[in-house]
Amino acid sequence: MDVKQYFRKMREVESSLTDSYPVVISLETSDGGKAGAVCEVPRSIAAKMIVEQRAVLASSEQRELFFQQQEAAKKAAEKAEFARRVQVAIIADSDLQAATPAKTINKK
């Protein structure tokens, strides 16, 4: 492919992408690229991957599924982090009463 043609095609593909960060699905390549990896990338990277036939643009259903999976993973990570931070202390009733000072009433 001619260099001018390559960059012209990249500009065309990049201008056709509507999202700032489109979702692409990787294709199997001869140099070891694995098919089916879904990721969200900047428009310039997406255009390059599409022109080089390393990826295809995800359909709207695939995009929604990807974002749902990302949201579920985020919630699971937040839940795990919250569970890691929760601290439980068991205090005996007698220790609790000894730790709190008794209220005294001053009568005059």
N, C-alpha and C. Protein backbone atom coordinates (compact mmCIF):
# COMPACT_ATOMS: atom_id res chain seq x y z
N MET A 1 0.85 -1.18 0.00
CA MET A 1 0.00 0.00 0.00
C MET A 1 0.89 1.24 0.00
N ASP A 2 0.52 2.19 -0.77
CA ASP A 2 1.23 3.46 -0.85
C ASP A 2 1.03 4.24 0.45
N VAL A 3 2.06 4.94 0.90
CA VAL A 3 2.00 5.67 2.17
C VAL A 3 0.91 6.75 2.12
N LYS A 4 0.81 7.48 1.00
CA LYS A 4 -0.22 8.51 0.89
C LYS A 4 -1.61 7.89 0.97
N GLN A 5 -1.77 6.78 0.30
CA GLN A 5 -3.06 6.09 0.30
C GLN A 5 -3.40 5.58 1.71
N TYR A 6 -2.39 5.07 2.41
CA TYR A 6 -2.57 4.57 3.78
C TYR A 6 -3.09 5.67 4.70
N PHE A 7 -2.43 6.82 4.69
CA PHE A 7 -2.83 7.90 5.59
C PHE A 7 -4.16 8.53 5.16
N ARG A 8 -4.42 8.57 3.86
CA ARG A 8 -5.72 9.08 3.39
C ARG A 8 -6.84 8.18 3.89
N LYS A 9 -6.60 6.87 3.79
CA LYS A 9 -7.61 5.93 4.26
C LYS A 9 -7.79 6.04 5.78
N MET A 10 -6.69 6.24 6.51
CA MET A 10 -6.80 6.41 7.97
C MET A 10 -7.62 7.65 8.31
N ARG A 11 -7.40 8.75 7.61
CA ARG A 11 -8.18 9.97 7.87
C ARG A 11 -9.65 9.76 7.56
N GLU A 12 -9.93 9.04 6.48
CA GLU A 12 -11.32 8.75 6.10
C GLU A 12 -12.02 7.92 7.18
N VAL A 13 -11.33 6.88 7.61
CA VAL A 13 -11.93 6.01 8.64
C VAL A 13 -12.10 6.78 9.94
N GLU A 14 -11.09 7.55 10.32
CA GLU A 14 -11.17 8.32 11.58
C GLU A 14 -12.30 9.34 11.53
N SER A 15 -12.50 9.97 10.40
CA SER A 15 -13.59 10.95 10.30
C SER A 15 -14.96 10.27 10.28
N SER A 16 -15.02 9.02 9.87
CA SER A 16 -16.30 8.31 9.85
C SER A 16 -16.71 7.81 11.23
N LEU A 17 -15.76 7.72 12.15
CA LEU A 17 -16.07 7.26 13.51
C LEU A 17 -16.74 8.40 14.28
N THR A 18 -17.88 8.12 14.86
CA THR A 18 -18.64 9.16 15.55
C THR A 18 -18.25 9.31 17.02
N ASP A 19 -17.85 8.23 17.67
CA ASP A 19 -17.51 8.27 19.09
C ASP A 19 -16.07 8.73 19.28
N SER A 20 -15.81 9.38 20.41
CA SER A 20 -14.44 9.75 20.75
C SER A 20 -13.61 8.51 21.06
N TYR A 21 -14.26 7.54 21.70
CA TYR A 21 -13.61 6.29 22.06
C TYR A 21 -14.47 5.13 21.56
N PRO A 22 -14.31 4.75 20.29
CA PRO A 22 -15.12 3.65 19.76
C PRO A 22 -14.68 2.30 20.33
N VAL A 23 -15.59 1.36 20.32
CA VAL A 23 -15.32 0.00 20.77
C VAL A 23 -14.98 -0.84 19.55
N VAL A 24 -13.84 -1.52 19.61
CA VAL A 24 -13.41 -2.37 18.50
C VAL A 24 -13.22 -3.80 18.98
N ILE A 25 -13.34 -4.72 18.03
CA ILE A 25 -13.14 -6.14 18.31
C ILE A 25 -11.96 -6.61 17.47
N SER A 26 -10.98 -7.20 18.12
CA SER A 26 -9.77 -7.60 17.41
C SER A 26 -10.03 -8.79 16.49
N LEU A 27 -9.21 -8.86 15.46
CA LEU A 27 -9.25 -9.97 14.51
C LEU A 27 -7.97 -10.79 14.66
N GLU A 28 -8.03 -12.04 14.24
CA GLU A 28 -6.83 -12.87 14.28
C GLU A 28 -5.87 -12.38 13.20
N THR A 29 -4.60 -12.25 13.57
CA THR A 29 -3.60 -11.80 12.61
C THR A 29 -2.50 -12.83 12.48
N SER A 30 -1.72 -12.72 11.41
CA SER A 30 -0.65 -13.68 11.16
C SER A 30 0.50 -13.53 12.15
N ASP A 31 0.61 -12.37 12.79
CA ASP A 31 1.71 -12.17 13.74
C ASP A 31 1.32 -12.48 15.18
N GLY A 32 0.24 -13.22 15.37
CA GLY A 32 -0.12 -13.67 16.71
C GLY A 32 -1.27 -12.94 17.36
N GLY A 33 -1.91 -12.03 16.67
CA GLY A 33 -3.05 -11.32 17.24
C GLY A 33 -4.22 -12.26 17.48
N LYS A 34 -4.86 -12.14 18.62
CA LYS A 34 -5.97 -13.03 18.98
C LYS A 34 -7.30 -12.38 18.63
N ALA A 35 -8.18 -13.17 18.10
CA ALA A 35 -9.50 -12.67 17.70
C ALA A 35 -10.43 -12.58 18.89
N GLY A 36 -11.33 -11.60 18.85
CA GLY A 36 -12.40 -11.51 19.84
C GLY A 36 -12.15 -10.61 21.02
N ALA A 37 -10.98 -10.01 21.15
CA ALA A 37 -10.72 -9.11 22.27
C ALA A 37 -11.45 -7.79 22.01
N VAL A 38 -12.28 -7.40 22.97
CA VAL A 38 -13.08 -6.17 22.83
C VAL A 38 -12.45 -5.10 23.70
N CYS A 39 -12.26 -3.90 23.13
CA CYS A 39 -11.70 -2.81 23.92
C CYS A 39 -12.17 -1.47 23.37
N GLU A 40 -12.08 -0.48 24.22
CA GLU A 40 -12.46 0.88 23.89
C GLU A 40 -11.17 1.67 23.69
N VAL A 41 -11.00 2.26 22.51
CA VAL A 41 -9.74 2.93 22.17
C VAL A 41 -10.03 4.31 21.59
N PRO A 42 -9.03 5.21 21.56
CA PRO A 42 -9.23 6.51 20.91
C PRO A 42 -9.49 6.34 19.41
N ARG A 43 -10.10 7.34 18.82
CA ARG A 43 -10.46 7.26 17.39
C ARG A 43 -9.26 7.00 16.51
N SER A 44 -8.14 7.64 16.78
CA SER A 44 -6.96 7.46 15.93
C SER A 44 -6.45 6.02 15.97
N ILE A 45 -6.45 5.42 17.14
CA ILE A 45 -6.01 4.02 17.28
C ILE A 45 -7.01 3.09 16.60
N ALA A 46 -8.29 3.36 16.78
CA ALA A 46 -9.32 2.54 16.14
C ALA A 46 -9.19 2.60 14.63
N ALA A 47 -8.96 3.79 14.08
CA ALA A 47 -8.80 3.94 12.64
C ALA A 47 -7.60 3.16 12.14
N LYS A 48 -6.50 3.24 12.86
CA LYS A 48 -5.29 2.50 12.48
C LYS A 48 -5.54 1.01 12.50
N MET A 49 -6.19 0.51 13.54
CA MET A 49 -6.46 -0.93 13.64
C MET A 49 -7.40 -1.40 12.53
N ILE A 50 -8.38 -0.58 12.18
CA ILE A 50 -9.33 -0.95 11.13
C ILE A 50 -8.65 -0.95 9.77
N VAL A 51 -7.84 0.08 9.48
CA VAL A 51 -7.14 0.17 8.20
C VAL A 51 -6.16 -0.99 8.04
N GLU A 52 -5.48 -1.35 9.13
CA GLU A 52 -4.51 -2.45 9.08
C GLU A 52 -5.18 -3.82 9.19
N GLN A 53 -6.50 -3.85 9.24
CA GLN A 53 -7.31 -5.06 9.33
C GLN A 53 -6.92 -5.91 10.55
N ARG A 54 -6.70 -5.21 11.65
CA ARG A 54 -6.43 -5.87 12.92
C ARG A 54 -7.67 -5.89 13.81
N ALA A 55 -8.67 -5.08 13.46
CA ALA A 55 -9.89 -5.00 14.26
C ALA A 55 -11.04 -4.52 13.38
N VAL A 56 -12.25 -4.75 13.91
CA VAL A 56 -13.47 -4.24 13.28
C VAL A 56 -14.23 -3.44 14.32
N LEU A 57 -15.04 -2.53 13.85
CA LEU A 57 -15.86 -1.72 14.74
C LEU A 57 -16.98 -2.59 15.31
N ALA A 58 -17.23 -2.49 16.60
CA ALA A 58 -18.26 -3.29 17.26
C ALA A 58 -19.65 -2.77 16.90
N SER A 59 -20.59 -3.70 16.82
CA SER A 59 -21.98 -3.30 16.56
C SER A 59 -22.56 -2.68 17.83
N SER A 60 -23.74 -2.09 17.71
CA SER A 60 -24.35 -1.44 18.87
C SER A 60 -24.67 -2.46 19.97
N GLU A 61 -25.08 -3.67 19.60
CA GLU A 61 -25.36 -4.70 20.61
C GLU A 61 -24.08 -5.12 21.32
N GLN A 62 -22.99 -5.26 20.55
CA GLN A 62 -21.71 -5.63 21.15
C GLN A 62 -21.20 -4.52 22.06
N ARG A 63 -21.42 -3.26 21.68
CA ARG A 63 -21.01 -2.14 22.52
C ARG A 63 -21.76 -2.17 23.85
N GLU A 64 -23.09 -2.37 23.78
CA GLU A 64 -23.89 -2.41 25.01
C GLU A 64 -23.45 -3.55 25.92
N LEU A 65 -23.21 -4.71 25.34
CA LEU A 65 -22.74 -5.85 26.13
C LEU A 65 -21.39 -5.54 26.77
N PHE A 66 -20.49 -4.92 26.03
CA PHE A 66 -19.18 -4.55 26.56
C PHE A 66 -19.32 -3.59 27.74
N PHE A 67 -20.16 -2.56 27.58
CA PHE A 67 -20.33 -1.59 28.67
C PHE A 67 -21.01 -2.21 29.88
N GLN A 68 -21.93 -3.14 29.67
CA GLN A 68 -22.57 -3.84 30.79
C GLN A 68 -21.54 -4.69 31.54
N GLN A 69 -20.66 -5.36 30.79
CA GLN A 69 -19.63 -6.16 31.43
C GLN A 69 -18.65 -5.28 32.21
N GLN A 70 -18.31 -4.12 31.64
CA GLN A 70 -17.42 -3.19 32.33
C GLN A 70 -18.06 -2.67 33.62
N GLU A 71 -19.35 -2.36 33.57
CA GLU A 71 -20.06 -1.88 34.76
C GLU A 71 -20.12 -2.96 35.84
N ALA A 72 -20.39 -4.20 35.42
CA ALA A 72 -20.44 -5.31 36.38
C ALA A 72 -19.07 -5.54 37.00
N ALA A 73 -18.01 -5.46 36.21
CA ALA A 73 -16.66 -5.63 36.75
C ALA A 73 -16.31 -4.51 37.72
N LYS A 74 -16.74 -3.29 37.41
CA LYS A 74 -16.48 -2.15 38.29
C LYS A 74 -17.20 -2.32 39.63
N LYS A 75 -18.47 -2.75 39.57
CA LYS A 75 -19.22 -2.96 40.80
C LYS A 75 -18.61 -4.07 41.64
N ALA A 76 -18.15 -5.14 41.00
CA ALA A 76 -17.52 -6.24 41.73
C ALA A 76 -16.22 -5.78 42.38
N ALA A 77 -15.44 -4.95 41.69
CA ALA A 77 -14.20 -4.43 42.26
C ALA A 77 -14.48 -3.50 43.44
N GLU A 78 -15.49 -2.65 43.30
CA GLU A 78 -15.86 -1.76 44.40
C GLU A 78 -16.35 -2.54 45.61
N LYS A 79 -17.12 -3.59 45.35
CA LYS A 79 -17.63 -4.42 46.44
C LYS A 79 -16.48 -5.13 47.15
N ALA A 80 -15.52 -5.64 46.39
CA ALA A 80 -14.37 -6.31 46.98
C ALA A 80 -13.53 -5.34 47.79
N GLU A 81 -13.36 -4.12 47.28
CA GLU A 81 -12.59 -3.11 48.00
C GLU A 81 -13.31 -2.71 49.29
N PHE A 82 -14.63 -2.56 49.24
CA PHE A 82 -15.39 -2.22 50.43
C PHE A 82 -15.30 -3.35 51.46
N ALA A 83 -15.40 -4.59 51.01
CA ALA A 83 -15.31 -5.73 51.93
C ALA A 83 -13.93 -5.81 52.57
N ARG A 84 -12.92 -5.42 51.82
CA ARG A 84 -11.57 -5.44 52.37
C ARG A 84 -11.39 -4.39 53.45
N ARG A 85 -12.10 -3.28 53.31
CA ARG A 85 -11.93 -2.16 54.25
C ARG A 85 -12.83 -2.25 55.48
N VAL A 86 -13.87 -3.04 55.44
CA VAL A 86 -14.78 -3.13 56.57
C VAL A 86 -14.06 -3.79 57.74
N GLN A 87 -14.14 -3.17 58.91
CA GLN A 87 -13.51 -3.71 60.11
C GLN A 87 -14.58 -3.94 61.16
N VAL A 88 -14.50 -5.08 61.76
CA VAL A 88 -15.47 -5.45 62.78
C VAL A 88 -14.72 -5.69 64.08
N ALA A 89 -15.20 -5.09 65.14
CA ALA A 89 -14.60 -5.29 66.45
C ALA A 89 -15.67 -5.82 67.40
N ILE A 90 -15.35 -6.88 68.10
CA ILE A 90 -16.28 -7.46 69.06
C ILE A 90 -15.86 -6.98 70.45
N ILE A 91 -16.79 -6.30 71.10
CA ILE A 91 -16.52 -5.73 72.42
C ILE A 91 -17.49 -6.36 73.41
N ALA A 92 -16.95 -6.84 74.50
CA ALA A 92 -17.80 -7.42 75.55
C ALA A 92 -18.60 -6.31 76.22
N ASP A 93 -19.77 -6.65 76.74
CA ASP A 93 -20.64 -5.67 77.37
C ASP A 93 -19.96 -5.01 78.57
N SER A 94 -19.20 -5.77 79.33
CA SER A 94 -18.52 -5.21 80.50
C SER A 94 -17.43 -4.22 80.08
N ASP A 95 -16.75 -4.50 78.97
CA ASP A 95 -15.73 -3.57 78.47
C ASP A 95 -16.37 -2.28 78.00
N LEU A 96 -17.54 -2.38 77.41
CA LEU A 96 -18.23 -1.21 76.90
C LEU A 96 -18.67 -0.31 78.06
N GLN A 97 -19.17 -0.91 79.13
CA GLN A 97 -19.62 -0.12 80.28
C GLN A 97 -18.44 0.51 81.01
N ALA A 98 -17.31 -0.17 81.04
CA ALA A 98 -16.13 0.37 81.71
C ALA A 98 -15.52 1.51 80.89
N ALA A 99 -15.68 1.48 79.60
CA ALA A 99 -15.08 2.50 78.75
C ALA A 99 -15.87 3.79 78.75
N THR A 100 -17.17 3.74 79.00
CA THR A 100 -17.98 4.95 79.00
C THR A 100 -18.08 5.48 80.42
N PRO A 101 -17.76 6.74 80.64
CA PRO A 101 -17.85 7.29 82.00
C PRO A 101 -19.31 7.44 82.42
N ALA A 102 -19.53 7.20 83.69
CA ALA A 102 -20.88 7.32 84.23
C ALA A 102 -21.25 8.79 84.33
N LYS A 103 -22.47 9.10 84.01
CA LYS A 103 -22.94 10.48 84.10
C LYS A 103 -23.31 10.78 85.54
N THR A 104 -22.80 11.88 86.02
CA THR A 104 -23.10 12.28 87.40
C THR A 104 -23.95 13.53 87.34
N ILE A 105 -24.83 13.60 88.25
CA ILE A 105 -25.72 14.74 88.33
C ILE A 105 -25.31 15.55 89.57
N ASN A 106 -24.97 16.79 89.36
CA ASN A 106 -24.60 17.67 90.47
C ASN A 106 -25.85 18.39 90.96
N LYS A 107 -26.18 18.14 92.21
CA LYS A 107 -27.34 18.80 92.80
C LYS A 107 -26.83 19.86 93.79
N LYS A 108 -27.39 21.00 93.73
CA LYS A 108 -27.01 22.07 94.64
C LYS A 108 -28.16 22.48 95.48
